[in-house]
Structure formats: structure tokens, C-alpha cells
């Protein structure tokens, strides 16, 4: 059952496709903020998914992340997500990212629980 206090941790290796110069968010060969946010969203989605029936998933609806330290190509980023609020279908997470034992980012991410089939029907 989804409840406040659940935690999930994942590790990600920074590859060429995650770099700012590759995704277009910057000119340097460092982890891009869009890629870091994707790592954070995936960690939150995985946490929620462990507790949902097969017919449901979550979709991201809000991101408020501060990315304050760089990570190089080949670096390993550890992302920790904690579920801090469950309000009906709205899930709120506190997310942190770490590289070499230093925090590189943190913030809030919200996801909504949806029925996969109904969601796809709405967009067709």
C-alpha cells in the first residue's frame, strides 16, 4: 500500500546521451538537468509502481528541482526518492541526487495515479 515514508534508491551511470551538450540544454560535457530530472522521475515512478496494480501507473505532473553541482561523463548518480504525501491519486515525493558522496540536486516531484487503458483512450 502506498504510504508516506516509503523510500526507493536507484543508481544511474552518466552516458553520452545524458550530457548537456547532447540534449541541447548546455554546451558542456556534464550531466544535463533534463536527464537528471528523468533519473529522478524514474526513481519515483519505480517506487510507486511497486505498490500499484498492473492496470495502473503514474504520470509526472510537477517538478521543482534545484540542480547545483555538475557530474561528468561516466559518473554514477544515486537518486533517493521518499514518498512524503499521498492525497487521493496525487503522490508527492522528496527527491535527492548524489555524486561522489556530495548532494548534486534535490526537490519535489508530483505524480498522479492513472488507469493505463483509460489514459490511452483519452489521447486517441
C-alpha atoms as a PDB file:
ATOM      1  CA  UNK A   1       0.000   0.000   0.000  1.00  0.00           C
ATOM      2  CA  UNK A   2       1.292   3.445  -0.922  1.00  0.00           C
ATOM      3  CA  UNK A   3       2.017   5.416   2.229  1.00  0.00           C
ATOM      4  CA  UNK A   4       4.102   8.306   3.464  1.00  0.00           C
ATOM      5  CA  UNK A   5       7.684   7.358   4.316  1.00  0.00           C
ATOM      6  CA  UNK A   6       8.332   4.795   1.568  1.00  0.00           C
ATOM      7  CA  UNK A   7      11.836   5.127   0.094  1.00  0.00           C
ATOM      8  CA  UNK A   8      13.462   3.856  -3.095  1.00  0.00           C
ATOM      9  CA  UNK A   9      17.063   4.328  -4.274  1.00  0.00           C
ATOM     10  CA  UNK A  10      18.431   3.822  -7.800  1.00  0.00           C
ATOM     11  CA  UNK A  11      21.828   4.349  -9.409  1.00  0.00           C
ATOM     12  CA  UNK A  12      22.422   5.733 -12.896  1.00  0.00           C
ATOM     13  CA  UNK A  13      25.601   5.939 -14.976  1.00  0.00           C
ATOM     14  CA  UNK A  14      26.032   9.202 -16.897  1.00  0.00           C
ATOM     15  CA  UNK A  15      26.282   8.326 -20.596  1.00  0.00           C
ATOM     16  CA  UNK A  16      26.862  10.463 -23.686  1.00  0.00           C
ATOM     17  CA  UNK A  17      23.113  10.838 -24.273  1.00  0.00           C
ATOM     18  CA  UNK A  18      22.689  12.363 -20.784  1.00  0.00           C
ATOM     19  CA  UNK A  19      25.151  15.219 -21.346  1.00  0.00           C
ATOM     20  CA  UNK A  20      24.026  18.847 -21.590  1.00  0.00           C
ATOM     21  CA  UNK A  21      25.802  19.292 -24.928  1.00  0.00           C
ATOM     22  CA  UNK A  22      23.984  16.241 -26.305  1.00  0.00           C
ATOM     23  CA  UNK A  23      20.446  17.139 -25.188  1.00  0.00           C
ATOM     24  CA  UNK A  24      20.865  20.815 -26.073  1.00  0.00           C
ATOM     25  CA  UNK A  25      20.426  22.256 -22.589  1.00  0.00           C
ATOM     26  CA  UNK A  26      24.034  23.474 -22.448  1.00  0.00           C
ATOM     27  CA  UNK A  27      27.423  23.349 -24.123  1.00  0.00           C
ATOM     28  CA  UNK A  28      29.402  21.246 -21.666  1.00  0.00           C
ATOM     29  CA  UNK A  29      30.033  17.522 -21.259  1.00  0.00           C
ATOM     30  CA  UNK A  30      28.260  17.289 -17.887  1.00  0.00           C
ATOM     31  CA  UNK A  31      25.018  15.672 -16.772  1.00  0.00           C
ATOM     32  CA  UNK A  32      22.137  17.752 -18.106  1.00  0.00           C
ATOM     33  CA  UNK A  33      19.372  18.938 -15.835  1.00  0.00           C
ATOM     34  CA  UNK A  34      16.703  17.339 -18.090  1.00  0.00           C
ATOM     35  CA  UNK A  35      18.484  13.973 -17.816  1.00  0.00           C
ATOM     36  CA  UNK A  36      18.877  14.318 -14.055  1.00  0.00           C
ATOM     37  CA  UNK A  37      15.162  15.078 -13.741  1.00  0.00           C
ATOM     38  CA  UNK A  38      14.404  11.989 -15.854  1.00  0.00           C
ATOM     39  CA  UNK A  39      16.504   9.893 -13.428  1.00  0.00           C
ATOM     40  CA  UNK A  40      14.556  11.382 -10.525  1.00  0.00           C
ATOM     41  CA  UNK A  41      11.182  10.804 -12.188  1.00  0.00           C
ATOM     42  CA  UNK A  42      12.097   7.195 -12.969  1.00  0.00           C
ATOM     43  CA  UNK A  43      13.067   6.568  -9.350  1.00  0.00           C
ATOM     44  CA  UNK A  44       9.735   7.968  -8.132  1.00  0.00           C
ATOM     45  CA  UNK A  45       7.794   6.016 -10.777  1.00  0.00           C
ATOM     46  CA  UNK A  46       9.536   2.796  -9.779  1.00  0.00           C
ATOM     47  CA  UNK A  47       8.762   3.384  -6.105  1.00  0.00           C
ATOM     48  CA  UNK A  48       5.059   3.974  -6.777  1.00  0.00           C
ATOM     49  CA  UNK A  49       4.861   1.120  -9.273  1.00  0.00           C
ATOM     50  CA  UNK A  50       5.852  -1.427  -6.636  1.00  0.00           C
ATOM     51  CA  UNK A  51       2.543  -0.768  -4.880  1.00  0.00           C
ATOM     52  CA  UNK A  52       0.101  -0.366  -7.787  1.00  0.00           C
ATOM     53  CA  UNK A  53      -1.962  -2.993  -9.601  1.00  0.00           C
ATOM     54  CA  UNK A  54      -0.876  -3.858 -13.164  1.00  0.00           C
ATOM     55  CA  UNK A  55      -3.651  -1.756 -14.740  1.00  0.00           C
ATOM     56  CA  UNK A  56      -2.372   1.428 -13.069  1.00  0.00           C
ATOM     57  CA  UNK A  57       0.743   3.555 -13.396  1.00  0.00           C
ATOM     58  CA  UNK A  58       1.757   7.096 -12.535  1.00  0.00           C
ATOM     59  CA  UNK A  59       2.428  10.148 -14.673  1.00  0.00           C
ATOM     60  CA  UNK A  60       4.569  13.106 -13.709  1.00  0.00           C
ATOM     61  CA  UNK A  61       2.651  16.362 -13.252  1.00  0.00           C
ATOM     62  CA  UNK A  62       5.022  18.712 -11.408  1.00  0.00           C
ATOM     63  CA  UNK A  63       8.772  19.111 -10.948  1.00  0.00           C
ATOM     64  CA  UNK A  64      10.564  21.621  -8.709  1.00  0.00           C
ATOM     65  CA  UNK A  65      14.225  20.576  -8.692  1.00  0.00           C
ATOM     66  CA  UNK A  66      17.383  22.513  -7.859  1.00  0.00           C
ATOM     67  CA  UNK A  67      20.471  21.150  -9.662  1.00  0.00           C
ATOM     68  CA  UNK A  68      23.534  22.734  -8.072  1.00  0.00           C
ATOM     69  CA  UNK A  69      26.618  20.576  -8.794  1.00  0.00           C
ATOM     70  CA  UNK A  70      27.971  19.041 -12.028  1.00  0.00           C
ATOM     71  CA  UNK A  71      28.514  15.365 -12.777  1.00  0.00           C
ATOM     72  CA  UNK A  72      30.910  14.203 -15.531  1.00  0.00           C
ATOM     73  CA  UNK A  73      30.509  11.598 -18.241  1.00  0.00           C
ATOM     74  CA  UNK A  74      30.882   8.173 -16.624  1.00  0.00           C
ATOM     75  CA  UNK A  75      29.876   9.402 -13.176  1.00  0.00           C
ATOM     76  CA  UNK A  76      27.463   7.339 -11.099  1.00  0.00           C
ATOM     77  CA  UNK A  77      24.481   9.233  -9.724  1.00  0.00           C
ATOM     78  CA  UNK A  78      22.491   7.842  -6.811  1.00  0.00           C
ATOM     79  CA  UNK A  79      18.888   9.024  -6.608  1.00  0.00           C
ATOM     80  CA  UNK A  80      16.805   8.647  -3.461  1.00  0.00           C
ATOM     81  CA  UNK A  81      13.042   9.196  -3.565  1.00  0.00           C
ATOM     82  CA  UNK A  82      10.857   9.416  -0.484  1.00  0.00           C
ATOM     83  CA  UNK A  83       7.077   9.474  -0.699  1.00  0.00           C
ATOM     84  CA  UNK A  84       6.118  12.409   1.532  1.00  0.00           C
ATOM     85  CA  UNK A  85       2.400  12.719   0.775  1.00  0.00           C
ATOM     86  CA  UNK A  86      -0.458  10.611  -0.558  1.00  0.00           C
ATOM     87  CA  UNK A  87      -3.570  12.661  -1.331  1.00  0.00           C
ATOM     88  CA  UNK A  88      -6.009  10.509  -3.262  1.00  0.00           C
ATOM     89  CA  UNK A  89      -4.361   9.915  -6.631  1.00  0.00           C
ATOM     90  CA  UNK A  90      -1.718  12.610  -6.086  1.00  0.00           C
ATOM     91  CA  UNK A  91       1.680  11.428  -4.835  1.00  0.00           C
ATOM     92  CA  UNK A  92       4.342  13.881  -3.688  1.00  0.00           C
ATOM     93  CA  UNK A  93       7.996  12.884  -3.420  1.00  0.00           C
ATOM     94  CA  UNK A  94      11.109  14.475  -1.934  1.00  0.00           C
ATOM     95  CA  UNK A  95      13.976  13.528  -4.238  1.00  0.00           C
ATOM     96  CA  UNK A  96      17.732  13.870  -3.803  1.00  0.00           C
ATOM     97  CA  UNK A  97      20.596  13.064  -6.176  1.00  0.00           C
ATOM     98  CA  UNK A  98      24.167  12.372  -5.092  1.00  0.00           C
ATOM     99  CA  UNK A  99      27.522  12.034  -6.882  1.00  0.00           C
ATOM    100  CA  UNK A 100      30.752  11.095  -5.065  1.00  0.00           C
ATOM    101  CA  UNK A 101      29.020  11.420  -1.685  1.00  0.00           C
ATOM    102  CA  UNK A 102      28.002  15.028  -2.410  1.00  0.00           C
ATOM    103  CA  UNK A 103      24.425  16.115  -2.977  1.00  0.00           C
ATOM    104  CA  UNK A 104      24.044  17.488  -6.510  1.00  0.00           C
ATOM    105  CA  UNK A 105      20.295  18.153  -6.575  1.00  0.00           C
ATOM    106  CA  UNK A 106      17.102  17.995  -4.563  1.00  0.00           C
ATOM    107  CA  UNK A 107      13.467  18.944  -4.797  1.00  0.00           C
ATOM    108  CA  UNK A 108       9.825  17.986  -5.075  1.00  0.00           C
ATOM    109  CA  UNK A 109       8.194  15.799  -7.704  1.00  0.00           C
ATOM    110  CA  UNK A 110       4.470  15.064  -8.012  1.00  0.00           C
ATOM    111  CA  UNK A 111       2.880  12.168  -9.847  1.00  0.00           C
ATOM    112  CA  UNK A 112      -0.746  11.169 -10.372  1.00  0.00           C
ATOM    113  CA  UNK A 113      -2.034   7.601 -10.357  1.00  0.00           C
ATOM    114  CA  UNK A 114      -3.847   6.787 -13.592  1.00  0.00           C
ATOM    115  CA  UNK A 115      -5.557   3.832 -15.219  1.00  0.00           C
ATOM    116  CA  UNK A 116      -3.374   2.943 -18.228  1.00  0.00           C
ATOM    117  CA  UNK A 117      -6.228   1.950 -20.541  1.00  0.00           C
ATOM    118  CA  UNK A 118      -8.419   4.967 -19.773  1.00  0.00           C
ATOM    119  CA  UNK A 119      -5.464   7.330 -20.143  1.00  0.00           C
ATOM    120  CA  UNK A 120      -4.597   5.992 -23.599  1.00  0.00           C
ATOM    121  CA  UNK A 121      -8.268   6.167 -24.672  1.00  0.00           C
ATOM    122  CA  UNK A 122      -8.381   9.875 -23.769  1.00  0.00           C
ATOM    123  CA  UNK A 123      -5.482  10.768 -26.052  1.00  0.00           C
ATOM    124  CA  UNK A 124      -6.729   8.933 -29.132  1.00  0.00           C
END
